[in-house]
Amino acid sequence: MKSKLSTTKPDTDLAAWCAALLPANVDKIPAGWLTCAELADKLGKTKDTVSGQLSVAVRAGRAEMQKYRVMTNRGVYPIPHYRLK
């Protein structure tokens, strides 16, 4: 029985192949915008603690939240970023 798999060789240019895998719809993060995890690292607190504090700060108008499309380990996802006022 013959295999139905393609017998053509894959493109040998690895850089072009990798570039084709990366989506073109990721956002450039402006300076001053940080994720909750980045803020937690800077402040030396847990992500859970900082997440709660950020929620309160956004509601009170002391911080801004914007979602940016970022390449993660699992693909492109909108990740909330925060900027303190």
C-alpha atoms as a PDB file:
ATOM      1  CA  MET A   1       0.000   0.000   0.000  1.00  0.00           C
ATOM      2  CA  LYS A   2       1.353   3.409  -0.973  1.00  0.00           C
ATOM      3  CA  SER A   3       1.650   6.193   1.570  1.00  0.00           C
ATOM      4  CA  LYS A   4      -0.501   9.250   0.951  1.00  0.00           C
ATOM      5  CA  LEU A   5       2.101  11.540   2.497  1.00  0.00           C
ATOM      6  CA  SER A   6       3.746  14.064   0.245  1.00  0.00           C
ATOM      7  CA  THR A   7       7.130  13.018  -1.034  1.00  0.00           C
ATOM      8  CA  THR A   8       8.311  16.553  -1.753  1.00  0.00           C
ATOM      9  CA  LYS A   9      11.156  17.902   0.332  1.00  0.00           C
ATOM     10  CA  PRO A  10      10.356  20.681   2.801  1.00  0.00           C
ATOM     11  CA  ASP A  11      11.891  24.103   2.225  1.00  0.00           C
ATOM     12  CA  THR A  12      15.451  23.992   3.510  1.00  0.00           C
ATOM     13  CA  ASP A  13      15.622  27.707   4.363  1.00  0.00           C
ATOM     14  CA  LEU A  14      14.939  27.498   8.094  1.00  0.00           C
ATOM     15  CA  ALA A  15      14.828  31.274   8.649  1.00  0.00           C
ATOM     16  CA  ALA A  16      12.106  31.723   6.026  1.00  0.00           C
ATOM     17  CA  TRP A  17      10.165  28.778   7.427  1.00  0.00           C
ATOM     18  CA  CYS A  18      10.300  30.188  10.975  1.00  0.00           C
ATOM     19  CA  ALA A  19       9.318  33.672   9.778  1.00  0.00           C
ATOM     20  CA  ALA A  20       6.295  32.214   8.005  1.00  0.00           C
ATOM     21  CA  LEU A  21       5.145  30.648  11.293  1.00  0.00           C
ATOM     22  CA  LEU A  22       5.191  33.935  13.188  1.00  0.00           C
ATOM     23  CA  PRO A  23       1.970  35.882  12.803  1.00  0.00           C
ATOM     24  CA  ALA A  24       2.165  39.425  11.549  1.00  0.00           C
ATOM     25  CA  ASN A  25      -0.605  40.617  13.857  1.00  0.00           C
ATOM     26  CA  VAL A  26       1.363  41.049  17.083  1.00  0.00           C
ATOM     27  CA  ASP A  27       1.404  44.506  18.658  1.00  0.00           C
ATOM     28  CA  LYS A  28       4.424  46.596  19.549  1.00  0.00           C
ATOM     29  CA  ILE A  29       4.219  47.376  23.257  1.00  0.00           C
ATOM     30  CA  PRO A  30       4.782  51.095  23.956  1.00  0.00           C
ATOM     31  CA  ALA A  31       7.239  52.135  26.652  1.00  0.00           C
ATOM     32  CA  GLY A  32       5.754  52.309  30.129  1.00  0.00           C
ATOM     33  CA  TRP A  33       3.224  49.482  29.685  1.00  0.00           C
ATOM     34  CA  LEU A  34       3.861  46.361  31.784  1.00  0.00           C
ATOM     35  CA  THR A  35       2.055  43.092  32.390  1.00  0.00           C
ATOM     36  CA  CYS A  36       0.881  42.075  35.838  1.00  0.00           C
ATOM     37  CA  ALA A  37       3.720  39.546  36.062  1.00  0.00           C
ATOM     38  CA  GLU A  38       6.325  42.181  35.141  1.00  0.00           C
ATOM     39  CA  LEU A  39       4.957  44.577  37.763  1.00  0.00           C
ATOM     40  CA  ALA A  40       4.933  41.801  40.374  1.00  0.00           C
ATOM     41  CA  ASP A  41       8.604  41.059  39.652  1.00  0.00           C
ATOM     42  CA  LYS A  42       9.540  44.743  39.926  1.00  0.00           C
ATOM     43  CA  LEU A  43       7.640  45.182  43.188  1.00  0.00           C
ATOM     44  CA  GLY A  44       8.768  41.895  44.719  1.00  0.00           C
ATOM     45  CA  LYS A  45       5.173  40.778  45.332  1.00  0.00           C
ATOM     46  CA  THR A  46       3.105  37.858  44.112  1.00  0.00           C
ATOM     47  CA  LYS A  47       1.158  38.071  40.881  1.00  0.00           C
ATOM     48  CA  ASP A  48      -2.116  37.509  42.768  1.00  0.00           C
ATOM     49  CA  THR A  49      -1.464  40.439  45.115  1.00  0.00           C
ATOM     50  CA  VAL A  50      -0.523  42.798  42.293  1.00  0.00           C
ATOM     51  CA  SER A  51      -3.489  41.667  40.187  1.00  0.00           C
ATOM     52  CA  GLY A  52      -5.913  42.672  42.931  1.00  0.00           C
ATOM     53  CA  GLN A  53      -4.162  45.984  43.457  1.00  0.00           C
ATOM     54  CA  LEU A  54      -4.232  46.709  39.716  1.00  0.00           C
ATOM     55  CA  SER A  55      -7.963  46.000  39.519  1.00  0.00           C
ATOM     56  CA  VAL A  56      -8.615  48.529  42.277  1.00  0.00           C
ATOM     57  CA  ALA A  57      -6.237  51.071  40.696  1.00  0.00           C
ATOM     58  CA  VAL A  58      -7.904  50.778  37.270  1.00  0.00           C
ATOM     59  CA  ARG A  59     -11.382  51.244  38.763  1.00  0.00           C
ATOM     60  CA  ALA A  60     -10.156  54.254  40.755  1.00  0.00           C
ATOM     61  CA  GLY A  61      -8.534  55.811  37.675  1.00  0.00           C
ATOM     62  CA  ARG A  62      -4.974  55.551  39.031  1.00  0.00           C
ATOM     63  CA  ALA A  63      -3.902  53.102  36.312  1.00  0.00           C
ATOM     64  CA  GLU A  64      -4.798  52.322  32.705  1.00  0.00           C
ATOM     65  CA  MET A  65      -5.320  48.865  31.199  1.00  0.00           C
ATOM     66  CA  GLN A  66      -4.886  48.059  27.517  1.00  0.00           C
ATOM     67  CA  LYS A  67      -4.761  44.633  25.868  1.00  0.00           C
ATOM     68  CA  TYR A  68      -1.968  44.048  23.363  1.00  0.00           C
ATOM     69  CA  ARG A  69      -1.643  41.000  21.111  1.00  0.00           C
ATOM     70  CA  VAL A  70       1.528  39.205  22.187  1.00  0.00           C
ATOM     71  CA  MET A  71       3.197  35.980  21.040  1.00  0.00           C
ATOM     72  CA  THR A  72       3.078  33.522  23.928  1.00  0.00           C
ATOM     73  CA  ASN A  73       4.213  29.906  24.146  1.00  0.00           C
ATOM     74  CA  ARG A  74       0.798  28.842  22.840  1.00  0.00           C
ATOM     75  CA  GLY A  75       0.275  31.458  20.131  1.00  0.00           C
ATOM     76  CA  VAL A  76      -0.873  35.062  19.856  1.00  0.00           C
ATOM     77  CA  TYR A  77      -3.169  36.209  22.659  1.00  0.00           C
ATOM     78  CA  PRO A  78      -4.411  39.587  23.914  1.00  0.00           C
ATOM     79  CA  ILE A  79      -2.537  40.165  27.165  1.00  0.00           C
ATOM     80  CA  PRO A  80      -3.538  43.010  29.524  1.00  0.00           C
ATOM     81  CA  HIS A  81      -0.822  45.601  30.049  1.00  0.00           C
ATOM     82  CA  TYR A  82      -0.955  48.363  32.653  1.00  0.00           C
ATOM     83  CA  ARG A  83       0.391  51.880  32.893  1.00  0.00           C
ATOM     84  CA  LEU A  84       0.366  53.690  36.212  1.00  0.00           C
ATOM     85  CA  LYS A  85      -0.716  57.343  36.150  1.00  0.00           C
END
